[in-house]
Amino acid sequence: MDGVLDARTWLTIVAVVVGLTWRYMYEPWGVINYVLGKIGIAPVEWVSSPNTALMSIMVVDIWQWTPFVVLVLLAGLQSIPREVVEAAALDGLKFRQYFTRILWPLLRPVALIVLLIRMMDALKVFDTVYMLTRGGPGTSTYVASMYNYVLFFGNYQVGYAAAMSYIILIIVNVFAIALIWVLSEREAKEEAEGKSDMVPELAIAADLNAVG
């Protein structure tokens, strides 16, 4: 329980605070280069080099949102019926069989929802990029939201920025609709398989009850 509370506290960290913290850690005199120097590795220009700037932002984003993903997946794991786990243990299933036949099919809807949420977060990430690099060096960290910000507030291309916002919205909606379709198809397939396993008279009765 303490671990869950710690993870929830971790999630409340504001992205601006995260960006500032990692910005100081990425500095040439920051703690990361200090540790690297202690083990004999030359300092790295984490956010001032086009080769490492985008990767550095990805590390910060992963560090910030991994607790959220872990919490949601943990909730999905805890929702699996104990009877199913015990039956798998009694049958002597190996871990690979348990994962592919029981764990992943039950956890897949939760994983798809987390994937959708993280995909939307990745498309709209702005504050972390702004605090770390502000799109630089050059345009090497111009993610979609940062590029849109520069178009609107930097170049005053209001129409172009508005059009890009609609494109981002369409992309997110396409992924969301695809996810909902996958989940609905899975539920329909499971319902059909459940009916096929029933005695014919019981299946007919279930259909009549549904109609009634």
N, C-alpha and C. Protein backbone atom coordinates (compact mmCIF):
# COMPACT_ATOMS: atom_id res chain seq x y z
N MET A 1 0.83 -1.21 0.00
CA MET A 1 0.00 0.00 0.00
C MET A 1 0.86 1.25 0.00
N ASP A 2 1.97 1.19 0.77
CA ASP A 2 2.87 2.35 0.80
C ASP A 2 3.46 2.62 -0.56
N GLY A 3 3.77 1.53 -1.31
CA GLY A 3 4.33 1.70 -2.65
C GLY A 3 3.35 2.38 -3.59
N VAL A 4 2.05 2.02 -3.47
CA VAL A 4 1.03 2.65 -4.32
C VAL A 4 0.90 4.12 -3.98
N LEU A 5 0.93 4.47 -2.67
CA LEU A 5 0.84 5.87 -2.28
C LEU A 5 2.04 6.65 -2.77
N ASP A 6 3.23 6.04 -2.71
CA ASP A 6 4.41 6.72 -3.21
C ASP A 6 4.30 6.98 -4.70
N ALA A 7 3.77 6.02 -5.45
CA ALA A 7 3.61 6.19 -6.90
C ALA A 7 2.60 7.28 -7.20
N ARG A 8 1.52 7.38 -6.41
CA ARG A 8 0.54 8.43 -6.63
C ARG A 8 1.15 9.80 -6.35
N THR A 9 1.97 9.89 -5.32
CA THR A 9 2.66 11.15 -5.05
C THR A 9 3.60 11.51 -6.19
N TRP A 10 4.26 10.50 -6.75
CA TRP A 10 5.16 10.69 -7.89
C TRP A 10 4.41 11.30 -9.07
N LEU A 11 3.16 10.86 -9.30
CA LEU A 11 2.38 11.32 -10.45
C LEU A 11 1.98 12.78 -10.33
N THR A 12 1.95 13.32 -9.11
CA THR A 12 1.50 14.69 -8.92
C THR A 12 2.58 15.72 -9.22
N ILE A 13 3.78 15.26 -9.54
CA ILE A 13 4.85 16.19 -9.85
C ILE A 13 4.52 16.96 -11.12
N VAL A 14 4.57 18.27 -11.04
CA VAL A 14 4.24 19.11 -12.19
C VAL A 14 5.33 18.96 -13.25
N ALA A 15 4.90 18.95 -14.53
CA ALA A 15 5.85 18.73 -15.62
C ALA A 15 6.90 19.84 -15.68
N VAL A 16 6.52 21.05 -15.30
CA VAL A 16 7.50 22.15 -15.31
C VAL A 16 8.60 21.89 -14.29
N VAL A 17 8.21 21.40 -13.12
CA VAL A 17 9.21 21.07 -12.10
C VAL A 17 10.12 19.95 -12.59
N VAL A 18 9.53 18.96 -13.25
CA VAL A 18 10.32 17.87 -13.80
C VAL A 18 11.31 18.40 -14.83
N GLY A 19 10.84 19.28 -15.72
CA GLY A 19 11.72 19.83 -16.74
C GLY A 19 12.87 20.62 -16.15
N LEU A 20 12.58 21.46 -15.16
CA LEU A 20 13.64 22.24 -14.52
C LEU A 20 14.64 21.34 -13.81
N THR A 21 14.13 20.35 -13.10
CA THR A 21 15.03 19.44 -12.37
C THR A 21 15.98 18.73 -13.31
N TRP A 22 15.43 18.17 -14.37
CA TRP A 22 16.28 17.45 -15.32
C TRP A 22 17.17 18.41 -16.12
N ARG A 23 16.73 19.61 -16.31
CA ARG A 23 17.57 20.58 -17.02
C ARG A 23 18.85 20.84 -16.24
N TYR A 24 18.73 21.00 -14.92
CA TYR A 24 19.93 21.20 -14.10
C TYR A 24 20.77 19.92 -14.03
N MET A 25 20.11 18.77 -14.05
CA MET A 25 20.86 17.51 -14.03
C MET A 25 21.61 17.28 -15.33
N TYR A 26 21.07 17.79 -16.45
CA TYR A 26 21.71 17.62 -17.75
C TYR A 26 22.82 18.64 -18.01
N GLU A 27 22.95 19.66 -17.18
CA GLU A 27 23.97 20.68 -17.40
C GLU A 27 25.38 20.06 -17.38
N PRO A 28 26.35 20.72 -18.05
CA PRO A 28 27.73 20.18 -18.01
C PRO A 28 28.26 20.00 -16.60
N TRP A 29 27.80 20.83 -15.67
CA TRP A 29 28.22 20.70 -14.28
C TRP A 29 27.19 19.97 -13.44
N GLY A 30 26.19 19.34 -14.11
CA GLY A 30 25.11 18.67 -13.40
C GLY A 30 25.53 17.34 -12.82
N VAL A 31 24.59 16.74 -12.10
CA VAL A 31 24.90 15.52 -11.36
C VAL A 31 25.17 14.34 -12.30
N ILE A 32 24.53 14.31 -13.46
CA ILE A 32 24.75 13.18 -14.37
C ILE A 32 26.17 13.18 -14.91
N ASN A 33 26.62 14.34 -15.39
CA ASN A 33 28.00 14.42 -15.87
C ASN A 33 29.00 14.26 -14.74
N TYR A 34 28.62 14.66 -13.55
CA TYR A 34 29.51 14.48 -12.39
C TYR A 34 29.73 13.00 -12.12
N VAL A 35 28.64 12.22 -12.16
CA VAL A 35 28.77 10.77 -11.94
C VAL A 35 29.56 10.12 -13.07
N LEU A 36 29.30 10.55 -14.31
CA LEU A 36 30.05 10.01 -15.43
C LEU A 36 31.54 10.32 -15.31
N GLY A 37 31.87 11.54 -14.84
CA GLY A 37 33.27 11.90 -14.65
C GLY A 37 33.94 11.04 -13.60
N LYS A 38 33.19 10.64 -12.57
CA LYS A 38 33.76 9.81 -11.51
C LYS A 38 34.15 8.42 -12.01
N ILE A 39 33.47 7.95 -13.06
CA ILE A 39 33.80 6.63 -13.60
C ILE A 39 34.62 6.72 -14.88
N GLY A 40 35.14 7.93 -15.15
CA GLY A 40 36.08 8.09 -16.25
C GLY A 40 35.46 8.35 -17.61
N ILE A 41 34.21 8.77 -17.67
CA ILE A 41 33.54 9.08 -18.94
C ILE A 41 33.47 10.59 -19.10
N ALA A 42 33.80 11.05 -20.31
CA ALA A 42 33.80 12.49 -20.57
C ALA A 42 32.38 13.05 -20.48
N PRO A 43 32.25 14.32 -20.09
CA PRO A 43 30.92 14.94 -20.00
C PRO A 43 30.19 14.93 -21.35
N VAL A 44 28.88 14.78 -21.31
CA VAL A 44 28.05 14.70 -22.51
C VAL A 44 27.17 15.94 -22.58
N GLU A 45 27.07 16.51 -23.77
CA GLU A 45 26.17 17.66 -23.97
C GLU A 45 24.76 17.11 -24.22
N TRP A 46 24.03 16.89 -23.15
CA TRP A 46 22.77 16.18 -23.24
C TRP A 46 21.71 16.95 -24.02
N VAL A 47 21.51 18.21 -23.71
CA VAL A 47 20.43 18.98 -24.36
C VAL A 47 20.94 20.03 -25.32
N SER A 48 22.24 20.16 -25.45
CA SER A 48 22.79 21.15 -26.37
C SER A 48 23.36 20.53 -27.63
N SER A 49 23.24 19.23 -27.78
CA SER A 49 23.71 18.55 -28.99
C SER A 49 22.52 17.96 -29.73
N PRO A 50 22.44 18.16 -31.05
CA PRO A 50 21.31 17.58 -31.81
C PRO A 50 21.25 16.06 -31.75
N ASN A 51 22.38 15.43 -31.45
CA ASN A 51 22.43 13.97 -31.43
C ASN A 51 21.80 13.37 -30.17
N THR A 52 21.80 14.13 -29.08
CA THR A 52 21.33 13.59 -27.81
C THR A 52 20.13 14.34 -27.22
N ALA A 53 19.75 15.47 -27.80
CA ALA A 53 18.69 16.28 -27.19
C ALA A 53 17.35 15.56 -27.17
N LEU A 54 16.94 15.00 -28.30
CA LEU A 54 15.64 14.32 -28.35
C LEU A 54 15.63 13.09 -27.45
N MET A 55 16.73 12.35 -27.45
CA MET A 55 16.82 11.18 -26.58
C MET A 55 16.72 11.59 -25.11
N SER A 56 17.33 12.71 -24.75
CA SER A 56 17.26 13.19 -23.37
C SER A 56 15.83 13.53 -22.97
N ILE A 57 15.07 14.13 -23.88
CA ILE A 57 13.66 14.43 -23.59
C ILE A 57 12.86 13.14 -23.43
N MET A 58 13.13 12.16 -24.25
CA MET A 58 12.44 10.88 -24.14
C MET A 58 12.72 10.22 -22.79
N VAL A 59 13.94 10.31 -22.31
CA VAL A 59 14.28 9.74 -21.00
C VAL A 59 13.47 10.41 -19.90
N VAL A 60 13.35 11.73 -19.96
CA VAL A 60 12.58 12.46 -18.95
C VAL A 60 11.11 12.06 -19.00
N ASP A 61 10.55 11.96 -20.20
CA ASP A 61 9.14 11.60 -20.33
C ASP A 61 8.88 10.20 -19.82
N ILE A 62 9.77 9.27 -20.14
CA ILE A 62 9.63 7.90 -19.65
C ILE A 62 9.74 7.87 -18.13
N TRP A 63 10.70 8.59 -17.58
CA TRP A 63 10.88 8.65 -16.13
C TRP A 63 9.64 9.21 -15.44
N GLN A 64 9.01 10.20 -16.05
CA GLN A 64 7.87 10.86 -15.42
C GLN A 64 6.61 9.99 -15.45
N TRP A 65 6.37 9.27 -16.54
CA TRP A 65 5.08 8.60 -16.72
C TRP A 65 5.12 7.10 -16.52
N THR A 66 6.29 6.52 -16.27
CA THR A 66 6.35 5.09 -15.97
C THR A 66 5.52 4.72 -14.74
N PRO A 67 5.52 5.50 -13.64
CA PRO A 67 4.65 5.14 -12.50
C PRO A 67 3.18 5.05 -12.86
N PHE A 68 2.71 5.94 -13.74
CA PHE A 68 1.31 5.88 -14.15
C PHE A 68 1.00 4.59 -14.88
N VAL A 69 1.87 4.21 -15.81
CA VAL A 69 1.67 2.97 -16.56
C VAL A 69 1.70 1.77 -15.62
N VAL A 70 2.64 1.77 -14.68
CA VAL A 70 2.75 0.66 -13.73
C VAL A 70 1.50 0.57 -12.86
N LEU A 71 0.99 1.71 -12.41
CA LEU A 71 -0.21 1.71 -11.57
C LEU A 71 -1.42 1.13 -12.30
N VAL A 72 -1.61 1.55 -13.56
CA VAL A 72 -2.76 1.06 -14.32
C VAL A 72 -2.63 -0.43 -14.60
N LEU A 73 -1.44 -0.87 -15.00
CA LEU A 73 -1.24 -2.30 -15.25
C LEU A 73 -1.37 -3.11 -13.96
N LEU A 74 -0.91 -2.54 -12.85
CA LEU A 74 -1.08 -3.23 -11.57
C LEU A 74 -2.55 -3.39 -11.21
N ALA A 75 -3.34 -2.35 -11.47
CA ALA A 75 -4.78 -2.47 -11.24
C ALA A 75 -5.40 -3.54 -12.14
N GLY A 76 -4.93 -3.63 -13.38
CA GLY A 76 -5.41 -4.68 -14.27
C GLY A 76 -5.04 -6.07 -13.77
N LEU A 77 -3.81 -6.20 -13.25
CA LEU A 77 -3.39 -7.50 -12.71
C LEU A 77 -4.23 -7.89 -11.50
N GLN A 78 -4.51 -6.92 -10.64
CA GLN A 78 -5.29 -7.22 -9.44
C GLN A 78 -6.75 -7.54 -9.75
N SER A 79 -7.22 -7.14 -10.93
CA SER A 79 -8.61 -7.43 -11.31
C SER A 79 -8.78 -8.84 -11.87
N ILE A 80 -7.67 -9.54 -12.14
CA ILE A 80 -7.77 -10.91 -12.65
C ILE A 80 -8.29 -11.82 -11.53
N PRO A 81 -9.33 -12.61 -11.78
CA PRO A 81 -9.89 -13.46 -10.71
C PRO A 81 -8.84 -14.41 -10.14
N ARG A 82 -8.85 -14.54 -8.83
CA ARG A 82 -7.90 -15.42 -8.17
C ARG A 82 -8.11 -16.88 -8.58
N GLU A 83 -9.36 -17.24 -8.89
CA GLU A 83 -9.64 -18.61 -9.29
C GLU A 83 -8.90 -18.99 -10.56
N VAL A 84 -8.78 -18.03 -11.49
CA VAL A 84 -8.08 -18.30 -12.74
C VAL A 84 -6.60 -18.55 -12.48
N VAL A 85 -6.00 -17.75 -11.63
CA VAL A 85 -4.58 -17.92 -11.30
C VAL A 85 -4.35 -19.25 -10.59
N GLU A 86 -5.23 -19.59 -9.67
CA GLU A 86 -5.07 -20.85 -8.96
C GLU A 86 -5.26 -22.05 -9.89
N ALA A 87 -6.21 -21.95 -10.82
CA ALA A 87 -6.41 -23.04 -11.77
C ALA A 87 -5.19 -23.22 -12.67
N ALA A 88 -4.59 -22.11 -13.09
CA ALA A 88 -3.37 -22.20 -13.91
C ALA A 88 -2.24 -22.84 -13.12
N ALA A 89 -2.12 -22.51 -11.84
CA ALA A 89 -1.07 -23.11 -11.02
C ALA A 89 -1.31 -24.61 -10.82
N LEU A 90 -2.57 -25.01 -10.63
CA LEU A 90 -2.88 -26.43 -10.47
C LEU A 90 -2.62 -27.23 -11.74
N ASP A 91 -2.86 -26.59 -12.90
CA ASP A 91 -2.60 -27.26 -14.18
C ASP A 91 -1.13 -27.34 -14.52
N GLY A 92 -0.29 -26.64 -13.76
CA GLY A 92 1.15 -26.68 -13.99
C GLY A 92 1.61 -25.93 -15.22
N LEU A 93 0.93 -24.85 -15.55
CA LEU A 93 1.33 -24.07 -16.73
C LEU A 93 2.67 -23.39 -16.49
N LYS A 94 3.50 -23.40 -17.51
CA LYS A 94 4.74 -22.66 -17.45
C LYS A 94 4.45 -21.17 -17.59
N PHE A 95 5.46 -20.35 -17.27
CA PHE A 95 5.22 -18.91 -17.28
C PHE A 95 4.84 -18.42 -18.67
N ARG A 96 5.50 -18.95 -19.71
CA ARG A 96 5.18 -18.49 -21.06
C ARG A 96 3.75 -18.85 -21.44
N GLN A 97 3.32 -20.05 -21.09
CA GLN A 97 1.95 -20.45 -21.38
C GLN A 97 0.96 -19.62 -20.56
N TYR A 98 1.31 -19.38 -19.30
CA TYR A 98 0.44 -18.58 -18.45
C TYR A 98 0.31 -17.16 -18.98
N PHE A 99 1.42 -16.60 -19.47
CA PHE A 99 1.40 -15.23 -19.98
C PHE A 99 0.62 -15.13 -21.28
N THR A 100 0.85 -16.05 -22.22
CA THR A 100 0.24 -15.95 -23.55
C THR A 100 -1.23 -16.37 -23.56
N ARG A 101 -1.61 -17.31 -22.69
CA ARG A 101 -2.96 -17.86 -22.74
C ARG A 101 -3.90 -17.25 -21.70
N ILE A 102 -3.37 -16.74 -20.61
CA ILE A 102 -4.23 -16.24 -19.53
C ILE A 102 -3.95 -14.77 -19.23
N LEU A 103 -2.70 -14.46 -18.89
CA LEU A 103 -2.39 -13.12 -18.40
C LEU A 103 -2.58 -12.06 -19.47
N TRP A 104 -1.95 -12.24 -20.64
CA TRP A 104 -2.03 -11.22 -21.68
C TRP A 104 -3.44 -11.04 -22.24
N PRO A 105 -4.21 -12.11 -22.54
CA PRO A 105 -5.59 -11.88 -23.01
C PRO A 105 -6.44 -11.09 -22.03
N LEU A 106 -6.26 -11.31 -20.72
CA LEU A 106 -7.04 -10.57 -19.74
C LEU A 106 -6.51 -9.15 -19.52
N LEU A 107 -5.22 -8.97 -19.76
CA LEU A 107 -4.62 -7.67 -19.51
C LEU A 107 -4.58 -6.79 -20.76
N ARG A 108 -4.87 -7.37 -21.91
CA ARG A 108 -4.75 -6.63 -23.16
C ARG A 108 -5.63 -5.39 -23.24
N PRO A 109 -6.90 -5.41 -22.81
CA PRO A 109 -7.69 -4.17 -22.87
C PRO A 109 -7.09 -3.03 -22.06
N VAL A 110 -6.58 -3.36 -20.87
CA VAL A 110 -5.95 -2.33 -20.04
C VAL A 110 -4.70 -1.80 -20.72
N ALA A 111 -3.90 -2.69 -21.30
CA ALA A 111 -2.67 -2.27 -21.97
C ALA A 111 -2.97 -1.39 -23.18
N LEU A 112 -4.04 -1.70 -23.92
CA LEU A 112 -4.40 -0.88 -25.07
C LEU A 112 -4.86 0.51 -24.64
N ILE A 113 -5.59 0.58 -23.54
CA ILE A 113 -6.03 1.89 -23.04
C ILE A 113 -4.83 2.72 -22.60
N VAL A 114 -3.89 2.09 -21.90
CA VAL A 114 -2.67 2.80 -21.49
C VAL A 114 -1.89 3.27 -22.71
N LEU A 115 -1.83 2.42 -23.73
CA LEU A 115 -1.14 2.80 -24.97
C LEU A 115 -1.78 4.02 -25.60
N LEU A 116 -3.11 4.07 -25.61
CA LEU A 116 -3.81 5.22 -26.19
C LEU A 116 -3.53 6.49 -25.38
N ILE A 117 -3.58 6.38 -24.07
CA ILE A 117 -3.34 7.56 -23.22
C ILE A 117 -1.92 8.07 -23.40
N ARG A 118 -0.95 7.18 -23.44
CA ARG A 118 0.44 7.61 -23.60
C ARG A 118 0.69 8.16 -25.00
N MET A 119 -0.01 7.61 -25.99
CA MET A 119 0.14 8.14 -27.34
C MET A 119 -0.37 9.57 -27.42
N MET A 120 -1.52 9.83 -26.77
CA MET A 120 -2.04 11.19 -26.76
C MET A 120 -1.12 12.13 -25.98
N ASP A 121 -0.56 11.65 -24.87
CA ASP A 121 0.38 12.47 -24.11
C ASP A 121 1.62 12.79 -24.93
N ALA A 122 2.10 11.80 -25.69
CA ALA A 122 3.30 12.03 -26.49
C ALA A 122 3.05 13.04 -27.60
N LEU A 123 1.82 13.05 -28.16
CA LEU A 123 1.51 14.00 -29.22
C LEU A 123 1.37 15.42 -28.69
N LYS A 124 0.92 15.56 -27.45
CA LYS A 124 0.68 16.91 -26.92
C LYS A 124 1.75 17.37 -25.94
N VAL A 125 2.83 16.61 -25.77
CA VAL A 125 3.86 17.02 -24.82
C VAL A 125 4.46 18.36 -25.24
N PHE A 126 4.51 19.28 -24.30
CA PHE A 126 5.02 20.61 -24.60
C PHE A 126 5.89 21.16 -23.48
N ASP A 127 5.38 21.11 -22.25
CA ASP A 127 6.07 21.79 -21.15
C ASP A 127 7.45 21.22 -20.90
N THR A 128 7.60 19.90 -20.99
CA THR A 128 8.92 19.29 -20.78
C THR A 128 9.90 19.75 -21.85
N VAL A 129 9.45 19.74 -23.10
CA VAL A 129 10.33 20.18 -24.20
C VAL A 129 10.67 21.65 -24.05
N TYR A 130 9.69 22.45 -23.67
CA TYR A 130 9.93 23.90 -23.54
C TYR A 130 10.94 24.19 -22.43
N MET A 131 10.83 23.47 -21.32
CA MET A 131 11.74 23.72 -20.21
C MET A 131 13.15 23.21 -20.48
N LEU A 132 13.27 22.14 -21.27
CA LEU A 132 14.59 21.55 -21.49
C LEU A 132 15.33 22.19 -22.67
N THR A 133 14.68 22.31 -23.81
CA THR A 133 15.40 22.73 -25.02
C THR A 133 14.73 23.86 -25.78
N ARG A 134 13.43 24.09 -25.53
CA ARG A 134 12.65 25.06 -26.31
C ARG A 134 12.74 24.80 -27.81
N GLY A 135 12.76 23.53 -28.15
CA GLY A 135 12.80 23.13 -29.54
C GLY A 135 14.18 22.97 -30.12
N GLY A 136 15.19 23.44 -29.44
CA GLY A 136 16.55 23.39 -29.95
C GLY A 136 17.27 22.11 -29.54
N PRO A 137 18.57 22.06 -29.88
CA PRO A 137 19.29 23.01 -30.73
C PRO A 137 18.82 22.96 -32.18
N GLY A 138 18.63 24.12 -32.74
CA GLY A 138 18.04 24.22 -34.08
C GLY A 138 16.58 23.81 -34.01
N THR A 139 16.24 22.79 -34.78
CA THR A 139 14.88 22.24 -34.78
C THR A 139 14.90 20.75 -34.43
N SER A 140 15.92 20.30 -33.74
CA SER A 140 16.09 18.87 -33.49
C SER A 140 15.07 18.31 -32.52
N THR A 141 14.45 19.15 -31.68
CA THR A 141 13.44 18.68 -30.74
C THR A 141 12.08 19.35 -31.01
N TYR A 142 11.80 19.62 -32.26
CA TYR A 142 10.50 20.18 -32.64
C TYR A 142 9.47 19.06 -32.68
N VAL A 143 8.89 18.75 -31.55
CA VAL A 143 7.75 17.84 -31.54
C VAL A 143 6.53 18.60 -32.05
N ALA A 144 5.41 17.89 -32.22
CA ALA A 144 4.24 18.50 -32.87
C ALA A 144 3.75 19.73 -32.12
N SER A 145 3.62 19.63 -30.80
CA SER A 145 3.09 20.77 -30.03
C SER A 145 4.08 21.93 -30.00
N MET A 146 5.38 21.62 -29.94
CA MET A 146 6.38 22.69 -29.93
C MET A 146 6.41 23.41 -31.28
N TYR A 147 6.32 22.67 -32.35
CA TYR A 147 6.29 23.27 -33.68
C TYR A 147 5.04 24.13 -33.85
N ASN A 148 3.92 23.65 -33.33
CA ASN A 148 2.68 24.42 -33.40
C ASN A 148 2.79 25.71 -32.60
N TYR A 149 3.45 25.65 -31.45
CA TYR A 149 3.66 26.83 -30.62
C TYR A 149 4.51 27.87 -31.35
N VAL A 150 5.56 27.42 -32.00
CA VAL A 150 6.44 28.34 -32.74
C VAL A 150 5.70 28.96 -33.91
N LEU A 151 4.88 28.15 -34.59
CA LEU A 151 4.11 28.70 -35.71
C LEU A 151 3.17 29.81 -35.25
N PHE A 152 2.51 29.59 -34.11
CA PHE A 152 1.49 30.54 -33.66
C PHE A 152 2.11 31.76 -32.98
N PHE A 153 2.96 31.53 -31.99
CA PHE A 153 3.48 32.63 -31.18
C PHE A 153 4.80 33.20 -31.70
N GLY A 154 5.51 32.40 -32.52
CA GLY A 154 6.78 32.88 -33.04
C GLY A 154 6.67 33.50 -34.41
N ASN A 155 5.99 32.78 -35.31
CA ASN A 155 5.87 33.25 -36.70
C ASN A 155 4.52 33.89 -37.00
N TYR A 156 3.58 33.83 -36.05
CA TYR A 156 2.25 34.41 -36.21
C TYR A 156 1.51 33.84 -37.42
N GLN A 157 1.76 32.57 -37.71
CA GLN A 157 1.04 31.88 -38.79
C GLN A 157 -0.18 31.18 -38.17
N VAL A 158 -1.20 31.98 -37.92
CA VAL A 158 -2.36 31.49 -37.18
C VAL A 158 -3.09 30.39 -37.95
N GLY A 159 -3.31 30.59 -39.25
CA GLY A 159 -4.02 29.60 -40.04
C GLY A 159 -3.28 28.28 -40.12
N TYR A 160 -1.97 28.37 -40.33
CA TYR A 160 -1.14 27.16 -40.40
C TYR A 160 -1.17 26.41 -39.07
N ALA A 161 -1.06 27.14 -37.97
CA ALA A 161 -1.07 26.51 -36.65
C ALA A 161 -2.43 25.87 -36.36
N ALA A 162 -3.52 26.55 -36.74
CA ALA A 162 -4.84 25.98 -36.53
C ALA A 162 -5.03 24.71 -37.35
N ALA A 163 -4.56 24.72 -38.60
CA ALA A 163 -4.67 23.53 -39.43
C ALA A 163 -3.88 22.37 -38.84
N MET A 164 -2.72 22.64 -38.31
CA MET A 164 -1.91 21.58 -37.70
C MET A 164 -2.59 21.02 -36.46
N SER A 165 -3.26 21.89 -35.69
CA SER A 165 -3.99 21.42 -34.52
C SER A 165 -5.09 20.46 -34.91
N TYR A 166 -5.79 20.76 -36.00
CA TYR A 166 -6.84 19.86 -36.47
C TYR A 166 -6.25 18.53 -36.95
N ILE A 167 -5.08 18.58 -37.57
CA ILE A 167 -4.44 17.35 -38.02
C ILE A 167 -4.09 16.46 -36.83
N ILE A 168 -3.55 17.06 -35.77
CA ILE A 168 -3.23 16.30 -34.56
C ILE A 168 -4.50 15.70 -33.97
N LEU A 169 -5.59 16.48 -33.96
CA LEU A 169 -6.85 15.98 -33.44
C LEU A 169 -7.36 14.79 -34.25
N ILE A 170 -7.23 14.86 -35.57
CA ILE A 170 -7.67 13.76 -36.42
C ILE A 170 -6.85 12.50 -36.16
N ILE A 171 -5.53 12.67 -36.02
CA ILE A 171 -4.66 11.51 -35.76
C ILE A 171 -5.06 10.83 -34.45
N VAL A 172 -5.28 11.63 -33.41
CA VAL A 172 -5.67 11.06 -32.11
C VAL A 172 -7.00 10.34 -32.22
N ASN A 173 -7.96 10.94 -32.94
CA ASN A 173 -9.27 10.31 -33.09
C ASN A 173 -9.19 9.00 -33.86
N VAL A 174 -8.33 8.95 -34.88
CA VAL A 174 -8.17 7.71 -35.64
C VAL A 174 -7.65 6.59 -34.73
N PHE A 175 -6.63 6.90 -33.93
CA PHE A 175 -6.11 5.89 -33.01
C PHE A 175 -7.17 5.48 -31.98
N ALA A 176 -7.94 6.45 -31.47
CA ALA A 176 -8.96 6.14 -30.47
C ALA A 176 -10.05 5.25 -31.06
N ILE A 177 -10.49 5.57 -32.28
CA ILE A 177 -11.53 4.76 -32.93
C ILE A 177 -11.01 3.34 -33.20
N ALA A 178 -9.76 3.24 -33.64
CA ALA A 178 -9.17 1.92 -33.88
C ALA A 178 -9.11 1.10 -32.60
N LEU A 179 -8.75 1.76 -31.48
CA LEU A 179 -8.69 1.06 -30.21
C LEU A 179 -10.07 0.58 -29.77
N ILE A 180 -11.07 1.45 -29.88
CA ILE A 180 -12.44 1.07 -29.51
C ILE A 180 -12.93 -0.08 -30.37
N TRP A 181 -12.59 -0.07 -31.66
CA TRP A 181 -13.00 -1.15 -32.55
C TRP A 181 -12.36 -2.47 -32.15
N VAL A 182 -11.07 -2.43 -31.80
CA VAL A 182 -10.37 -3.66 -31.38
C VAL A 182 -11.01 -4.21 -30.11
N LEU A 183 -11.29 -3.35 -29.14
CA LEU A 183 -11.89 -3.80 -27.89
C LEU A 183 -13.30 -4.37 -28.12
N SER A 184 -14.11 -3.71 -28.95
CA SER A 184 -15.47 -4.19 -29.21
C SER A 184 -15.45 -5.52 -29.96
N GLU A 185 -14.52 -5.67 -30.91
CA GLU A 185 -14.41 -6.94 -31.63
C GLU A 185 -14.02 -8.06 -30.69
N ARG A 186 -13.13 -7.78 -29.76
CA ARG A 186 -12.71 -8.80 -28.80
C ARG A 186 -13.87 -9.22 -27.91
N GLU A 187 -14.65 -8.24 -27.44
CA GLU A 187 -15.78 -8.57 -26.59
C GLU A 187 -16.84 -9.38 -27.35
N ALA A 188 -17.07 -9.01 -28.61
CA ALA A 188 -18.04 -9.76 -29.42
C ALA A 188 -17.57 -11.20 -29.66
N LYS A 189 -16.26 -11.36 -29.88
CA LYS A 189 -15.72 -12.69 -30.11
C LYS A 189 -15.83 -13.55 -28.86
N GLU A 190 -15.53 -12.95 -27.70
CA GLU A 190 -15.63 -13.70 -26.45
C GLU A 190 -17.07 -14.08 -26.15
N GLU A 191 -18.01 -13.18 -26.46
CA GLU A 191 -19.42 -13.49 -26.24
C GLU A 191 -19.89 -14.62 -27.14
N ALA A 192 -19.42 -14.60 -28.41
CA ALA A 192 -19.79 -15.67 -29.33
C ALA A 192 -19.21 -17.01 -28.90
N GLU A 193 -17.95 -16.99 -28.43
CA GLU A 193 -17.33 -18.23 -27.96
C GLU A 193 -18.04 -18.76 -26.72
N GLY A 194 -18.49 -17.83 -25.86
CA GLY A 194 -19.20 -18.26 -24.66
C GLY A 194 -20.53 -18.90 -25.00
N LYS A 195 -21.23 -18.37 -26.02
CA LYS A 195 -22.50 -18.95 -26.43
C LYS A 195 -22.30 -20.32 -27.08
N SER A 196 -21.21 -20.48 -27.85
CA SER A 196 -20.97 -21.76 -28.51
C SER A 196 -20.68 -22.87 -27.52
N ASP A 197 -20.17 -22.50 -26.35
CA ASP A 197 -19.87 -23.51 -25.34
C ASP A 197 -21.11 -23.89 -24.53
N MET A 198 -22.21 -23.17 -24.67
CA MET A 198 -23.42 -23.45 -23.91
C MET A 198 -24.21 -24.60 -24.55
N VAL A 199 -25.03 -25.23 -23.76
CA VAL A 199 -25.97 -26.22 -24.30
C VAL A 199 -26.93 -25.49 -25.25
N PRO A 200 -27.29 -26.07 -26.39
CA PRO A 200 -28.15 -25.37 -27.36
C PRO A 200 -29.42 -24.81 -26.74
N GLU A 201 -30.08 -25.57 -25.84
CA GLU A 201 -31.30 -25.06 -25.24
C GLU A 201 -31.03 -23.82 -24.40
N LEU A 202 -29.89 -23.82 -23.68
CA LEU A 202 -29.56 -22.67 -22.86
C LEU A 202 -29.21 -21.47 -23.72
N ALA A 203 -28.55 -21.70 -24.85
CA ALA A 203 -28.22 -20.60 -25.77
C ALA A 203 -29.48 -19.97 -26.32
N ILE A 204 -30.48 -20.83 -26.67
CA ILE A 204 -31.73 -20.29 -27.18
C ILE A 204 -32.46 -19.49 -26.11
N ALA A 205 -32.43 -20.00 -24.89
CA ALA A 205 -33.06 -19.29 -23.79
C ALA A 205 -32.40 -17.94 -23.53
N ALA A 206 -31.05 -17.91 -23.63
CA ALA A 206 -30.34 -16.65 -23.44
C ALA A 206 -30.71 -15.65 -24.52
N ASP A 207 -30.86 -16.12 -25.78
CA ASP A 207 -31.25 -15.22 -26.85
C ASP A 207 -32.67 -14.69 -26.63
N LEU A 208 -33.58 -15.57 -26.18
CA LEU A 208 -34.95 -15.12 -25.93
C LEU A 208 -35.01 -14.11 -24.80
N ASN A 209 -34.20 -14.31 -23.77
CA ASN A 209 -34.17 -13.36 -22.67
C ASN A 209 -33.63 -12.02 -23.13
N ALA A 210 -32.61 -12.06 -24.03
CA ALA A 210 -32.04 -10.81 -24.54
C ALA A 210 -33.06 -10.05 -25.36
N VAL A 211 -33.87 -10.81 -26.16
CA VAL A 211 -34.89 -10.15 -26.97
C VAL A 211 -35.99 -9.59 -26.09
N GLY A 212 -36.37 -10.37 -25.10
CA GLY A 212 -37.43 -9.92 -24.22
C GLY A 212 -37.00 -8.78 -23.35
